[in-house]
Amino acid sequence: MDAKPIIKRLVLPDLRLIGEIDRSEHMDVEYRVVAGELVALQADLEVPSWRSEGTGEHSVAGVIEFWTPVVAGGAVLLGAFERDQVLGLVIVDLALGPGLAWLAFLYVSRSHRRRGLAGALWGAAERIALDAGAHSLYVSAVPSGSAVGFYLSRGCELAESPHPGLFAKEPDDIHLVCRLDREPM
């Protein structure tokens, strides 16, 4: 990267930037929860980017439709930028429950991964949650080795009991909780 990325707060219409994020990855590890334990399984899957055409959960339109009520309801949308190019996005919802914020969405484009952007977006979301009085951050992570590994490296642990509403929406995700009052890593 030529310049240090800038993280800035965005507004509802900026959700369209989701279409510029390349979420694709090769998944060689997939996590599952088995008998209350997190289990890593070998995988060999290509996860495509969101479809630019049509509707549905893996289309740009479907993803924007899914996240619009969350951001419209007060969740904070942040973007990491280099000049005018969006490199990653995060959504943190401060109203999941008393003392509990929700890291609702965190993606960095494939060509910009492994450069500290996800960590920078996580840190910004964590500061927003702490400033709002949250003691914990709830994460519903896609079950890929890279996503779950990232959250575990941030101090997240498997949720003892998943949030019922989020589990109903994303039953295949790995539901994690990160205490924000823990000792810094």
N, C-alpha and C. Protein backbone atom coordinates (compact mmCIF):
# COMPACT_ATOMS: atom_id res chain seq x y z
N MET A 1 0.83 -1.17 0.00
CA MET A 1 0.00 0.00 0.00
C MET A 1 0.88 1.24 0.00
N ASP A 2 0.49 2.20 -0.78
CA ASP A 2 1.26 3.43 -0.87
C ASP A 2 1.04 4.34 0.33
N ALA A 3 -0.20 4.47 0.77
CA ALA A 3 -0.54 5.37 1.86
C ALA A 3 -1.24 4.57 2.95
N LYS A 4 -1.17 5.07 4.19
CA LYS A 4 -1.86 4.42 5.29
C LYS A 4 -3.36 4.57 5.09
N PRO A 5 -4.10 3.48 5.17
CA PRO A 5 -5.56 3.56 5.00
C PRO A 5 -6.19 4.44 6.09
N ILE A 6 -7.26 5.08 5.72
CA ILE A 6 -8.01 5.94 6.63
C ILE A 6 -9.32 5.23 6.94
N ILE A 7 -9.67 5.19 8.23
CA ILE A 7 -10.96 4.62 8.63
C ILE A 7 -11.90 5.77 8.92
N LYS A 8 -13.06 5.73 8.27
CA LYS A 8 -14.01 6.82 8.51
C LYS A 8 -15.42 6.27 8.67
N ARG A 9 -16.20 7.04 9.40
CA ARG A 9 -17.60 6.70 9.63
C ARG A 9 -18.40 6.99 8.37
N LEU A 10 -19.30 6.08 8.04
CA LEU A 10 -20.11 6.20 6.83
C LEU A 10 -21.58 6.33 7.20
N VAL A 11 -22.40 6.57 6.20
CA VAL A 11 -23.85 6.71 6.39
C VAL A 11 -24.57 5.65 5.58
N LEU A 12 -25.86 5.52 5.83
CA LEU A 12 -26.67 4.46 5.23
C LEU A 12 -26.47 4.29 3.72
N PRO A 13 -26.50 5.36 2.91
CA PRO A 13 -26.32 5.15 1.46
C PRO A 13 -24.96 4.52 1.09
N ASP A 14 -23.99 4.63 2.01
CA ASP A 14 -22.67 4.05 1.74
C ASP A 14 -22.66 2.53 1.81
N LEU A 15 -23.76 1.92 2.23
CA LEU A 15 -23.84 0.45 2.20
C LEU A 15 -23.61 -0.08 0.78
N ARG A 16 -23.85 0.75 -0.23
CA ARG A 16 -23.61 0.33 -1.62
C ARG A 16 -22.16 -0.10 -1.82
N LEU A 17 -21.25 0.38 -0.96
CA LEU A 17 -19.83 0.04 -1.06
C LEU A 17 -19.57 -1.45 -0.83
N ILE A 18 -20.55 -2.14 -0.25
CA ILE A 18 -20.42 -3.59 -0.08
C ILE A 18 -20.11 -4.24 -1.42
N GLY A 19 -20.69 -3.71 -2.50
CA GLY A 19 -20.45 -4.26 -3.83
C GLY A 19 -19.02 -4.14 -4.30
N GLU A 20 -18.22 -3.31 -3.65
CA GLU A 20 -16.81 -3.15 -4.02
C GLU A 20 -15.87 -4.04 -3.20
N ILE A 21 -16.43 -4.75 -2.21
CA ILE A 21 -15.62 -5.64 -1.38
C ILE A 21 -15.61 -7.03 -2.01
N ASP A 22 -14.43 -7.55 -2.26
CA ASP A 22 -14.26 -8.91 -2.79
C ASP A 22 -14.12 -9.86 -1.60
N ARG A 23 -15.21 -10.53 -1.24
CA ARG A 23 -15.20 -11.42 -0.08
C ARG A 23 -14.65 -12.81 -0.41
N SER A 24 -14.26 -13.05 -1.65
CA SER A 24 -13.86 -14.38 -2.07
C SER A 24 -12.64 -14.87 -1.28
N GLU A 25 -12.58 -16.19 -1.12
CA GLU A 25 -11.43 -16.81 -0.46
C GLU A 25 -11.45 -18.31 -0.73
N HIS A 26 -10.27 -18.91 -0.58
CA HIS A 26 -10.19 -20.37 -0.57
C HIS A 26 -10.26 -20.80 0.88
N MET A 27 -11.21 -21.68 1.18
CA MET A 27 -11.39 -22.14 2.56
C MET A 27 -10.84 -23.55 2.68
N ASP A 28 -9.73 -23.68 3.45
CA ASP A 28 -9.17 -25.00 3.68
C ASP A 28 -9.50 -25.53 5.07
N VAL A 29 -10.06 -24.67 5.92
CA VAL A 29 -10.54 -25.07 7.24
C VAL A 29 -11.93 -24.48 7.43
N GLU A 30 -12.84 -25.32 7.89
CA GLU A 30 -14.19 -24.88 8.20
C GLU A 30 -14.49 -25.28 9.64
N TYR A 31 -15.02 -24.34 10.40
CA TYR A 31 -15.34 -24.61 11.80
C TYR A 31 -16.80 -25.00 11.95
N ARG A 32 -17.05 -25.86 12.91
CA ARG A 32 -18.39 -26.27 13.31
C ARG A 32 -18.41 -26.34 14.84
N VAL A 33 -19.59 -26.22 15.41
CA VAL A 33 -19.76 -26.44 16.84
C VAL A 33 -20.39 -27.82 16.98
N VAL A 34 -19.66 -28.71 17.68
CA VAL A 34 -20.11 -30.08 17.89
C VAL A 34 -20.12 -30.34 19.40
N ALA A 35 -21.28 -30.67 19.92
CA ALA A 35 -21.45 -30.94 21.36
C ALA A 35 -20.88 -29.81 22.20
N GLY A 36 -21.12 -28.57 21.76
CA GLY A 36 -20.68 -27.41 22.52
C GLY A 36 -19.21 -27.06 22.40
N GLU A 37 -18.50 -27.73 21.51
CA GLU A 37 -17.07 -27.47 21.32
C GLU A 37 -16.81 -27.01 19.89
N LEU A 38 -15.85 -26.12 19.75
CA LEU A 38 -15.45 -25.62 18.44
C LEU A 38 -14.51 -26.64 17.80
N VAL A 39 -14.87 -27.10 16.60
CA VAL A 39 -14.10 -28.14 15.92
C VAL A 39 -13.69 -27.62 14.54
N ALA A 40 -12.40 -27.76 14.22
CA ALA A 40 -11.88 -27.38 12.90
C ALA A 40 -11.91 -28.61 12.00
N LEU A 41 -12.52 -28.47 10.84
CA LEU A 41 -12.60 -29.56 9.88
C LEU A 41 -11.86 -29.17 8.61
N GLN A 42 -11.24 -30.15 7.98
CA GLN A 42 -10.56 -29.89 6.72
C GLN A 42 -11.61 -29.58 5.65
N ALA A 43 -11.31 -28.60 4.82
CA ALA A 43 -12.24 -28.21 3.75
C ALA A 43 -11.43 -27.89 2.50
N ASP A 44 -12.10 -27.84 1.40
CA ASP A 44 -11.49 -27.43 0.13
C ASP A 44 -12.59 -26.75 -0.68
N LEU A 45 -12.89 -25.50 -0.27
CA LEU A 45 -14.00 -24.77 -0.87
C LEU A 45 -13.53 -23.42 -1.41
N GLU A 46 -14.09 -23.03 -2.53
CA GLU A 46 -13.89 -21.68 -3.04
C GLU A 46 -15.13 -20.87 -2.71
N VAL A 47 -14.95 -19.84 -1.93
CA VAL A 47 -16.05 -18.95 -1.58
C VAL A 47 -16.00 -17.80 -2.58
N PRO A 48 -17.03 -17.63 -3.40
CA PRO A 48 -17.02 -16.54 -4.39
C PRO A 48 -17.35 -15.20 -3.76
N SER A 49 -17.08 -14.15 -4.49
CA SER A 49 -17.50 -12.83 -4.06
C SER A 49 -19.02 -12.74 -4.22
N TRP A 50 -19.60 -11.68 -3.71
CA TRP A 50 -21.03 -11.50 -3.89
C TRP A 50 -21.36 -11.34 -5.37
N ARG A 51 -22.49 -11.89 -5.76
CA ARG A 51 -22.94 -11.75 -7.15
C ARG A 51 -23.40 -10.32 -7.39
N SER A 52 -22.98 -9.75 -8.49
CA SER A 52 -23.40 -8.38 -8.81
C SER A 52 -24.79 -8.34 -9.43
N GLU A 53 -25.23 -9.45 -9.96
CA GLU A 53 -26.54 -9.53 -10.60
C GLU A 53 -27.54 -10.24 -9.70
N GLY A 54 -28.81 -9.91 -9.88
CA GLY A 54 -29.87 -10.63 -9.19
C GLY A 54 -30.03 -10.26 -7.74
N THR A 55 -30.79 -11.13 -7.05
CA THR A 55 -31.07 -10.92 -5.63
C THR A 55 -30.74 -12.20 -4.89
N GLY A 56 -30.97 -12.22 -3.60
CA GLY A 56 -30.67 -13.39 -2.79
C GLY A 56 -29.55 -13.10 -1.83
N GLU A 57 -29.32 -14.03 -0.89
CA GLU A 57 -28.40 -13.75 0.20
C GLU A 57 -26.95 -13.55 -0.22
N HIS A 58 -26.52 -14.04 -1.36
CA HIS A 58 -25.13 -13.87 -1.78
C HIS A 58 -24.99 -12.88 -2.93
N SER A 59 -26.03 -12.08 -3.15
CA SER A 59 -25.95 -11.02 -4.15
C SER A 59 -25.68 -9.70 -3.44
N VAL A 60 -25.11 -8.76 -4.16
CA VAL A 60 -24.88 -7.43 -3.59
C VAL A 60 -26.20 -6.85 -3.10
N ALA A 61 -27.24 -6.93 -3.93
CA ALA A 61 -28.54 -6.38 -3.54
C ALA A 61 -29.08 -7.06 -2.29
N GLY A 62 -28.94 -8.38 -2.20
CA GLY A 62 -29.41 -9.12 -1.03
C GLY A 62 -28.65 -8.76 0.23
N VAL A 63 -27.34 -8.60 0.12
CA VAL A 63 -26.52 -8.24 1.27
C VAL A 63 -26.88 -6.83 1.75
N ILE A 64 -27.03 -5.92 0.82
CA ILE A 64 -27.42 -4.54 1.19
C ILE A 64 -28.80 -4.55 1.84
N GLU A 65 -29.73 -5.31 1.28
CA GLU A 65 -31.08 -5.39 1.85
C GLU A 65 -31.03 -5.95 3.27
N PHE A 66 -30.19 -6.95 3.51
CA PHE A 66 -30.07 -7.56 4.83
C PHE A 66 -29.55 -6.56 5.86
N TRP A 67 -28.53 -5.75 5.47
CA TRP A 67 -27.87 -4.86 6.44
C TRP A 67 -28.52 -3.49 6.55
N THR A 68 -29.37 -3.11 5.61
CA THR A 68 -30.00 -1.79 5.67
C THR A 68 -30.76 -1.54 6.97
N PRO A 69 -31.63 -2.44 7.43
CA PRO A 69 -32.34 -2.15 8.67
C PRO A 69 -31.41 -2.06 9.89
N VAL A 70 -30.31 -2.77 9.86
CA VAL A 70 -29.36 -2.72 10.98
C VAL A 70 -28.72 -1.34 11.06
N VAL A 71 -28.23 -0.85 9.92
CA VAL A 71 -27.59 0.47 9.89
C VAL A 71 -28.65 1.57 10.09
N ALA A 72 -29.81 1.41 9.47
CA ALA A 72 -30.89 2.40 9.64
C ALA A 72 -31.35 2.46 11.10
N GLY A 73 -31.20 1.34 11.81
CA GLY A 73 -31.60 1.28 13.21
C GLY A 73 -30.57 1.84 14.17
N GLY A 74 -29.46 2.34 13.64
CA GLY A 74 -28.48 3.00 14.51
C GLY A 74 -27.11 2.35 14.57
N ALA A 75 -26.91 1.22 13.91
CA ALA A 75 -25.58 0.60 13.91
C ALA A 75 -24.59 1.52 13.21
N VAL A 76 -23.34 1.42 13.60
CA VAL A 76 -22.28 2.26 13.05
C VAL A 76 -21.61 1.52 11.89
N LEU A 77 -21.50 2.19 10.76
CA LEU A 77 -20.84 1.66 9.57
C LEU A 77 -19.53 2.42 9.38
N LEU A 78 -18.43 1.67 9.32
CA LEU A 78 -17.11 2.26 9.11
C LEU A 78 -16.49 1.65 7.87
N GLY A 79 -15.67 2.44 7.20
CA GLY A 79 -14.95 1.95 6.03
C GLY A 79 -13.48 2.27 6.14
N ALA A 80 -12.66 1.37 5.63
CA ALA A 80 -11.21 1.61 5.52
C ALA A 80 -10.95 1.98 4.07
N PHE A 81 -10.31 3.11 3.85
CA PHE A 81 -10.09 3.63 2.51
C PHE A 81 -8.63 3.93 2.25
N GLU A 82 -8.25 3.75 1.00
CA GLU A 82 -6.98 4.25 0.49
C GLU A 82 -7.38 5.14 -0.68
N ARG A 83 -7.13 6.42 -0.52
CA ARG A 83 -7.67 7.43 -1.45
C ARG A 83 -9.18 7.25 -1.52
N ASP A 84 -9.76 7.00 -2.68
CA ASP A 84 -11.20 6.82 -2.81
C ASP A 84 -11.61 5.35 -2.87
N GLN A 85 -10.67 4.44 -2.73
CA GLN A 85 -10.97 3.01 -2.84
C GLN A 85 -11.30 2.43 -1.47
N VAL A 86 -12.46 1.78 -1.35
CA VAL A 86 -12.83 1.10 -0.11
C VAL A 86 -12.08 -0.23 -0.06
N LEU A 87 -11.43 -0.48 1.07
CA LEU A 87 -10.65 -1.71 1.25
C LEU A 87 -11.36 -2.69 2.18
N GLY A 88 -12.19 -2.15 3.07
CA GLY A 88 -12.90 -3.00 4.02
C GLY A 88 -14.00 -2.23 4.71
N LEU A 89 -14.95 -2.97 5.26
CA LEU A 89 -16.10 -2.37 5.96
C LEU A 89 -16.36 -3.13 7.25
N VAL A 90 -16.89 -2.43 8.23
CA VAL A 90 -17.32 -3.04 9.48
C VAL A 90 -18.61 -2.37 9.92
N ILE A 91 -19.50 -3.17 10.50
CA ILE A 91 -20.74 -2.65 11.09
C ILE A 91 -20.76 -3.11 12.54
N VAL A 92 -20.96 -2.16 13.46
CA VAL A 92 -21.10 -2.50 14.88
C VAL A 92 -22.42 -1.93 15.37
N ASP A 93 -23.23 -2.82 15.92
CA ASP A 93 -24.56 -2.46 16.43
C ASP A 93 -24.45 -2.39 17.95
N LEU A 94 -24.79 -1.25 18.49
CA LEU A 94 -24.62 -1.00 19.92
C LEU A 94 -25.84 -1.39 20.74
N ALA A 95 -26.86 -1.93 20.11
CA ALA A 95 -28.13 -2.17 20.81
C ALA A 95 -28.53 -3.64 20.86
N LEU A 96 -27.57 -4.55 20.94
CA LEU A 96 -27.92 -5.97 20.97
C LEU A 96 -28.51 -6.35 22.32
N GLY A 97 -28.03 -5.75 23.37
CA GLY A 97 -28.53 -6.03 24.71
C GLY A 97 -27.76 -5.19 25.70
N PRO A 98 -28.15 -5.20 26.96
CA PRO A 98 -27.43 -4.41 27.97
C PRO A 98 -25.95 -4.80 28.03
N GLY A 99 -25.10 -3.84 27.79
CA GLY A 99 -23.66 -4.07 27.85
C GLY A 99 -23.11 -4.93 26.73
N LEU A 100 -23.93 -5.20 25.72
CA LEU A 100 -23.53 -6.10 24.63
C LEU A 100 -23.68 -5.41 23.27
N ALA A 101 -22.58 -5.30 22.56
CA ALA A 101 -22.60 -4.77 21.19
C ALA A 101 -22.41 -5.95 20.24
N TRP A 102 -22.77 -5.75 18.99
CA TRP A 102 -22.69 -6.81 17.97
C TRP A 102 -21.79 -6.36 16.85
N LEU A 103 -20.70 -7.09 16.65
CA LEU A 103 -19.87 -6.88 15.47
C LEU A 103 -20.61 -7.61 14.35
N ALA A 104 -21.43 -6.86 13.63
CA ALA A 104 -22.39 -7.45 12.70
C ALA A 104 -21.77 -7.85 11.37
N PHE A 105 -20.70 -7.17 10.97
CA PHE A 105 -20.16 -7.36 9.62
C PHE A 105 -18.72 -6.87 9.63
N LEU A 106 -17.81 -7.67 9.12
CA LEU A 106 -16.43 -7.22 8.93
C LEU A 106 -15.86 -7.98 7.75
N TYR A 107 -15.58 -7.25 6.69
CA TYR A 107 -14.96 -7.84 5.50
C TYR A 107 -13.88 -6.90 4.99
N VAL A 108 -12.78 -7.51 4.55
CA VAL A 108 -11.70 -6.80 3.87
C VAL A 108 -11.56 -7.46 2.51
N SER A 109 -11.42 -6.65 1.46
CA SER A 109 -11.26 -7.20 0.11
C SER A 109 -10.04 -8.11 0.03
N ARG A 110 -10.19 -9.17 -0.70
CA ARG A 110 -9.17 -10.21 -0.80
C ARG A 110 -7.78 -9.66 -1.10
N SER A 111 -7.67 -8.72 -2.02
CA SER A 111 -6.36 -8.21 -2.41
C SER A 111 -5.72 -7.33 -1.34
N HIS A 112 -6.46 -7.02 -0.28
CA HIS A 112 -5.92 -6.15 0.77
C HIS A 112 -5.82 -6.85 2.13
N ARG A 113 -6.01 -8.17 2.14
CA ARG A 113 -5.92 -8.92 3.39
C ARG A 113 -4.48 -9.12 3.82
N ARG A 114 -4.33 -9.46 5.08
CA ARG A 114 -3.02 -9.74 5.70
C ARG A 114 -2.14 -8.51 5.74
N ARG A 115 -2.78 -7.34 5.87
CA ARG A 115 -2.04 -6.07 5.96
C ARG A 115 -2.46 -5.26 7.19
N GLY A 116 -3.22 -5.89 8.08
CA GLY A 116 -3.62 -5.22 9.30
C GLY A 116 -4.94 -4.47 9.23
N LEU A 117 -5.61 -4.52 8.08
CA LEU A 117 -6.87 -3.77 7.94
C LEU A 117 -8.00 -4.33 8.80
N ALA A 118 -8.12 -5.65 8.83
CA ALA A 118 -9.18 -6.24 9.66
C ALA A 118 -8.93 -5.89 11.13
N GLY A 119 -7.68 -5.93 11.56
CA GLY A 119 -7.35 -5.55 12.93
C GLY A 119 -7.67 -4.09 13.21
N ALA A 120 -7.40 -3.23 12.25
CA ALA A 120 -7.71 -1.80 12.42
C ALA A 120 -9.22 -1.58 12.50
N LEU A 121 -9.98 -2.26 11.65
CA LEU A 121 -11.45 -2.14 11.68
C LEU A 121 -12.00 -2.72 12.99
N TRP A 122 -11.46 -3.86 13.42
CA TRP A 122 -11.85 -4.46 14.70
C TRP A 122 -11.60 -3.47 15.83
N GLY A 123 -10.41 -2.88 15.85
CA GLY A 123 -10.05 -1.94 16.90
C GLY A 123 -10.99 -0.73 16.94
N ALA A 124 -11.35 -0.23 15.77
CA ALA A 124 -12.27 0.91 15.70
C ALA A 124 -13.65 0.51 16.23
N ALA A 125 -14.11 -0.68 15.86
CA ALA A 125 -15.41 -1.17 16.34
C ALA A 125 -15.37 -1.40 17.85
N GLU A 126 -14.28 -1.93 18.33
CA GLU A 126 -14.13 -2.17 19.77
C GLU A 126 -14.17 -0.85 20.56
N ARG A 127 -13.49 0.18 20.05
CA ARG A 127 -13.51 1.49 20.71
C ARG A 127 -14.91 2.08 20.72
N ILE A 128 -15.63 1.95 19.62
CA ILE A 128 -17.01 2.46 19.56
C ILE A 128 -17.87 1.73 20.58
N ALA A 129 -17.73 0.42 20.66
CA ALA A 129 -18.51 -0.37 21.62
C ALA A 129 -18.18 0.02 23.06
N LEU A 130 -16.90 0.15 23.35
CA LEU A 130 -16.49 0.55 24.71
C LEU A 130 -17.02 1.94 25.06
N ASP A 131 -16.90 2.87 24.11
CA ASP A 131 -17.38 4.24 24.35
C ASP A 131 -18.89 4.28 24.59
N ALA A 132 -19.60 3.30 24.04
CA ALA A 132 -21.05 3.23 24.23
C ALA A 132 -21.43 2.46 25.50
N GLY A 133 -20.43 1.99 26.23
CA GLY A 133 -20.69 1.29 27.49
C GLY A 133 -20.81 -0.21 27.38
N ALA A 134 -20.46 -0.78 26.24
CA ALA A 134 -20.52 -2.24 26.09
C ALA A 134 -19.39 -2.90 26.87
N HIS A 135 -19.68 -4.05 27.44
CA HIS A 135 -18.68 -4.85 28.15
C HIS A 135 -18.23 -6.04 27.31
N SER A 136 -19.04 -6.39 26.31
CA SER A 136 -18.74 -7.53 25.46
C SER A 136 -19.16 -7.22 24.03
N LEU A 137 -18.49 -7.90 23.11
CA LEU A 137 -18.79 -7.77 21.69
C LEU A 137 -19.18 -9.16 21.19
N TYR A 138 -20.37 -9.26 20.62
CA TYR A 138 -20.89 -10.53 20.08
C TYR A 138 -20.54 -10.59 18.60
N VAL A 139 -20.04 -11.74 18.16
CA VAL A 139 -19.65 -11.92 16.77
C VAL A 139 -20.32 -13.18 16.23
N SER A 140 -20.97 -13.05 15.09
CA SER A 140 -21.51 -14.18 14.37
C SER A 140 -20.65 -14.33 13.12
N ALA A 141 -19.67 -15.22 13.20
CA ALA A 141 -18.63 -15.32 12.16
C ALA A 141 -18.94 -16.41 11.14
N VAL A 142 -18.65 -16.11 9.88
CA VAL A 142 -18.70 -17.18 8.88
C VAL A 142 -17.74 -18.27 9.36
N PRO A 143 -18.00 -19.53 9.07
CA PRO A 143 -17.21 -20.60 9.67
C PRO A 143 -15.84 -20.87 9.03
N SER A 144 -15.33 -19.95 8.24
CA SER A 144 -14.03 -20.18 7.60
C SER A 144 -12.90 -20.11 8.62
N GLY A 145 -11.84 -20.84 8.34
CA GLY A 145 -10.67 -20.82 9.22
C GLY A 145 -10.10 -19.44 9.39
N SER A 146 -10.09 -18.66 8.32
CA SER A 146 -9.52 -17.31 8.41
C SER A 146 -10.37 -16.40 9.29
N ALA A 147 -11.69 -16.44 9.14
CA ALA A 147 -12.56 -15.57 9.95
C ALA A 147 -12.54 -15.99 11.41
N VAL A 148 -12.78 -17.25 11.69
CA VAL A 148 -12.81 -17.71 13.07
C VAL A 148 -11.44 -17.55 13.72
N GLY A 149 -10.39 -17.88 12.98
CA GLY A 149 -9.03 -17.69 13.50
C GLY A 149 -8.75 -16.25 13.87
N PHE A 150 -9.20 -15.32 13.03
CA PHE A 150 -9.02 -13.90 13.32
C PHE A 150 -9.70 -13.53 14.63
N TYR A 151 -10.97 -13.91 14.79
CA TYR A 151 -11.71 -13.54 16.00
C TYR A 151 -11.13 -14.20 17.25
N LEU A 152 -10.70 -15.46 17.13
CA LEU A 152 -10.07 -16.11 18.27
C LEU A 152 -8.79 -15.38 18.66
N SER A 153 -8.06 -14.88 17.68
CA SER A 153 -6.82 -14.15 17.97
C SER A 153 -7.10 -12.82 18.65
N ARG A 154 -8.33 -12.34 18.59
CA ARG A 154 -8.71 -11.09 19.23
C ARG A 154 -9.27 -11.33 20.63
N GLY A 155 -9.30 -12.57 21.06
CA GLY A 155 -9.79 -12.88 22.40
C GLY A 155 -11.22 -13.37 22.45
N CYS A 156 -11.84 -13.60 21.30
CA CYS A 156 -13.20 -14.12 21.29
C CYS A 156 -13.22 -15.57 21.75
N GLU A 157 -14.32 -15.94 22.36
CA GLU A 157 -14.54 -17.32 22.79
C GLU A 157 -15.92 -17.76 22.30
N LEU A 158 -16.09 -19.05 22.17
CA LEU A 158 -17.38 -19.59 21.75
C LEU A 158 -18.46 -19.13 22.73
N ALA A 159 -19.55 -18.61 22.20
CA ALA A 159 -20.66 -18.16 23.04
C ALA A 159 -21.25 -19.37 23.77
N GLU A 160 -21.43 -19.23 25.09
CA GLU A 160 -22.02 -20.33 25.86
C GLU A 160 -23.43 -20.64 25.37
N SER A 161 -24.19 -19.59 25.11
CA SER A 161 -25.51 -19.77 24.52
C SER A 161 -25.68 -18.68 23.46
N PRO A 162 -25.75 -19.09 22.20
CA PRO A 162 -25.88 -18.10 21.12
C PRO A 162 -27.11 -17.21 21.31
N HIS A 163 -26.98 -15.99 20.83
CA HIS A 163 -28.10 -15.04 20.84
C HIS A 163 -29.21 -15.65 19.98
N PRO A 164 -30.40 -15.85 20.53
CA PRO A 164 -31.46 -16.55 19.79
C PRO A 164 -31.82 -15.91 18.45
N GLY A 165 -31.95 -14.59 18.41
CA GLY A 165 -32.32 -13.92 17.17
C GLY A 165 -31.24 -14.02 16.11
N LEU A 166 -29.98 -13.87 16.52
CA LEU A 166 -28.88 -13.97 15.55
C LEU A 166 -28.65 -15.40 15.12
N PHE A 167 -28.81 -16.34 16.04
CA PHE A 167 -28.65 -17.75 15.67
C PHE A 167 -29.72 -18.16 14.67
N ALA A 168 -30.93 -17.65 14.85
CA ALA A 168 -32.02 -17.96 13.92
C ALA A 168 -31.71 -17.44 12.53
N LYS A 169 -31.06 -16.26 12.45
CA LYS A 169 -30.72 -15.67 11.15
C LYS A 169 -29.50 -16.34 10.52
N GLU A 170 -28.55 -16.77 11.36
CA GLU A 170 -27.28 -17.30 10.85
C GLU A 170 -26.87 -18.56 11.62
N PRO A 171 -27.64 -19.65 11.45
CA PRO A 171 -27.37 -20.87 12.23
C PRO A 171 -26.07 -21.57 11.88
N ASP A 172 -25.53 -21.34 10.69
CA ASP A 172 -24.28 -21.99 10.30
C ASP A 172 -23.05 -21.21 10.72
N ASP A 173 -23.26 -19.98 11.21
CA ASP A 173 -22.13 -19.17 11.67
C ASP A 173 -21.61 -19.68 13.00
N ILE A 174 -20.42 -19.24 13.35
CA ILE A 174 -19.83 -19.55 14.64
C ILE A 174 -20.10 -18.33 15.53
N HIS A 175 -20.82 -18.56 16.61
CA HIS A 175 -21.25 -17.47 17.49
C HIS A 175 -20.26 -17.34 18.64
N LEU A 176 -19.63 -16.17 18.68
CA LEU A 176 -18.54 -15.89 19.60
C LEU A 176 -18.84 -14.66 20.45
N VAL A 177 -18.15 -14.55 21.57
CA VAL A 177 -18.25 -13.37 22.43
C VAL A 177 -16.84 -12.97 22.84
N CYS A 178 -16.60 -11.67 22.83
CA CYS A 178 -15.31 -11.14 23.26
C CYS A 178 -15.56 -10.16 24.41
N ARG A 179 -15.00 -10.46 25.58
CA ARG A 179 -15.10 -9.54 26.71
C ARG A 179 -14.22 -8.32 26.41
N LEU A 180 -14.77 -7.15 26.54
CA LEU A 180 -14.03 -5.93 26.26
C LEU A 180 -13.29 -5.41 27.49
N ASP A 181 -13.59 -5.96 28.65
CA ASP A 181 -12.93 -5.53 29.87
C ASP A 181 -11.74 -6.42 30.23
N ARG A 182 -11.31 -7.24 29.29
CA ARG A 182 -10.18 -8.14 29.52
C ARG A 182 -8.87 -7.36 29.47
N GLU A 183 -7.82 -7.99 29.89
CA GLU A 183 -6.49 -7.38 29.80
C GLU A 183 -6.12 -7.22 28.32
N PRO A 184 -5.49 -6.11 27.94
CA PRO A 184 -5.08 -5.93 26.54
C PRO A 184 -4.12 -7.05 26.12
N MET A 185 -4.21 -7.42 24.86
CA MET A 185 -3.35 -8.49 24.34
C MET A 185 -1.99 -7.96 23.98
